[in-house]
Each structure stands twice: as structure tokens, then as C-alpha cells.
């Protein structure tokens, strides 16, 4: 309440009373209504305090100048007491309603301005690109847009704290860490600061702190919620960008490996042809060296073939020609190609009668079987038995190759089908590239089926893969 406004309010009431008393002679009802309108105007223009003082002045003046006995503050007629009281109540009530409406209009305007500022704040942060840049943009822009003395933000995933403005120092690192654990915003009117958690679906992302002048508590909470959404969006875009970069990198590596493998195969073919020709007429002293060259050329040729196969699988260019193939035929075809390597190995083939054919590409399915058998030969002791099995389970033909090797440790079983992965105990002792089982996995998954291993350290391993049974089996 300002003294000048009070004085003007009282003077306005006095002017109305003087006008009706000396110049315009009207009835008391008209005088009361004129005073009431003037009081409502003051309330709308200035506020409740000025209007209340004007109401009291109007009651006293109206009583003194217009209600009998005129010239005294006493009232003869009881009805005039009722009228005077009604006038006072109406004036004060009207003033209160007018002041409340004015206050609500001011609050609505303030909220509108805050929403515009919030929109401006978020609009700037949406273009930041990463979570860290988004937070850094927030602490800088919130000071500019909302006029806060300072801003601070604690980002929980990295443990970083970002600050802007010299007035952010009253908010300590400990305050920010504690605010990340609370459920709702904390606005300290005495210390002129606000702390709020930043959460997304109950998952804490961090906290923010602001120093005076502060936005409303509702706006502080809205800022926390929008910050959570904006940070999560920035993180999602960042992860997508990294994933795409990784995918492009993998495609490039596959293309390079494929190109390199094809370039290697051309000279290898010439080397192989030359060595084979020389072996036919070489003297005994040279034959051993030529045999080594021949074997190593075969190894390089196999490596190039595996690289090309892996590149085809990763590029999704593995074209299958599925047809019904007998299980016994598939197993015998794979074993016939491995006959020299299987010499001296006890081998059991366990295939029950009456198995339906498998729906598969026989060349690729046979390659998976050969890989399993080669793996068993490579990682089990010489002379130890092998077992190949096939069984109908749930409409699938499940093939298995079991050995009595050292087995696979639990922490390695989940990665055994990854590219270039080799067990800790064998990576330096046994030849191999680590691509064979990865290629087998790619072939099986191209059939839409499963591949897995069951093993216990010291008890051997059993590698399985499934193929669809023709007709679904029974």
C-alpha cells in the first residue's frame, strides 16, 4: 500500500461526496452506487488495500453528509444502519473480488512468460547433440532466459558437475549429490535457492540447482522433467550415432577383408598349381620343402575361403537353396570329406531310424557339421572317441557332435561363436583363426535356426544345431 495512492483514493471519495452534496442533488441510492463504482475501480487499478481505505472513508462520509441526522455520525433510522452496513460489505467484498481477479490475471501472465522462457530454454538445448553439451547449454541459458543468479547441474552417469554464473557457488557439490536422491524439488526461500532431482521414469539422472531470483516451484519441477526428457533424447541420438558408426565400420572391414581374400586367392591358385607340378618330379631332398609349401598354401587358401564366407554372412549375401535332405546323407557327406583326418579316431554315429528329412541347404548344413567335427578333432586328445547324433525334438532335427576334450569354461561359452574368439588355453597352442564357429553360427541363423554348446570343464563338449524337419515331424 502506497501513501500517495491512499491519499488519492480518499480525495476521490471526498470529491464524489462534495459533488453530490453541493452541485448534483440526487437520492441516497445514487450516491451509494457512485461511491461503490469508484471503489471497484480503485480495487481494479491499485489493489485491495487502497480500496478498503476508500470504502471506510466512503461509509463515514456518506453517513455524515447524507444520512439523517445530517452533520453527525449517528443514525436515527435503523433501516439506514442496514443500508450502511450493506454498502460497506458490498464495497469491501467487491474490492476483494476485483483484487483477486487482478492477482490471478497477473499470475496467469507470469506463468505465460515462464512457459515462453521454458520453451526458449528447451528450444536451444534440443540442438546440442550430446547429453554433456545439452547440460552445459542448460546451465548457461537458464541464467540468461530466467534471469537466475546462477545454475548448477549434477550428471549422475558420469559424476560431472556443471556450473554457470558466480552466484551458483552457494549450491555445493554435496547439495547437488543429495538432491539427486530426493523425491521432489526443494525451494529454500530463506537461502534463496532451489534444488530439484532430475528423473526419468523413476531412474535418477542427476539434479539441478538454481539461485535467486527463482522461477516458481511449478516451473522448477517442469524444468527438471523437461531436462530429463531432453538428456535422454540426446543420449539416444548419441547412441544411435555410435551404433551407425560401428555398423559402417564393420561393413568397411568386411568389404576390405573380402577384397583382400579374393586378391590372395589368385596368387595362391598359381602357387598351388606350380607346387603340385614340381612335386611330381622333385628329388627327395626338395620334396619335403615343396610339401611344406603345398600344405601352407592349403592353409592360406582355407583362410581366404573363411574370410570370404564371413564377409558374405555379415553382408547378408548368404543365399540358401533349401530342399529336403536325408539326415544320414547329410552326415555321411560331411564325414566323407573328413575321412583322412578321422583315421585312428573311434567314431560313433547315433541316428535313429525313421527320422524325417531336414529342410536345409545341404552344402551349407554339411559345412556346419564339418566345422563341428574339425573343432572336435582339433581340441580333443588324439585317439579319443567322437560321437555324432541326430534326433527329432519339437519339430526340429537336432544335430550334435560330442568330444572328450578339456571342455569349455563357463565364461567362454557365451563367446565361443563370436568372430575371432579363441579360448584362453588354446589360443596359442592350437592353429586356427577363430572364424569357423562364427561362420557356422551365421549359416545356422540364416536357416532361421539355433546353434549352441553344452560343456563342463574336464568333461568334453557337445556342439548342437537345429534344422527344420520336413512336415514338422511328430
Foldseek 3Di string as FASTA:
>chain_A
DDPVLLVVLLVVLVVLLVCCQPPNPDALVVSLVVLLVSLLVSLLVPHLVSSLSSLVSNLQSSCQDHAPVHNDNDHDDVVVVVVSVVSSVSSNVSSVVSRVVNVVVVVVVLVVLLVVLLCVQLVVLLPQQALVSSVQSNQASCCVSVVFQWKKWAFPVVRDIHIDHPVVVVCDPVNFQVQQPDDAKDQDPVQQKIKHFQDDPNHTGTIMMTGPPDDDRVSRRVSSPSSNVSNVVSHVSVVVVVVVVVLVVVLVVLVVLLVVLVVVVVVLVVLLVVLVVCCVDPDPVCNVVSVVSNVVSVVSNVVSVLSNLVSCLSVVNDDWDWDFDAPVVLVVVLCVVCVVLCPLEAEAEAEDPPAFTFTGRSVLSSLLVNLLVVVQSQAADGNWYKYWYWDDDQQKIKIKIWTQGQWADPVCQVCLLPAQDDDPVPPPPTDDRSRSSVSSQSRLVVQVWDWGKDTDGRGTIMTMIITGGVVSTD
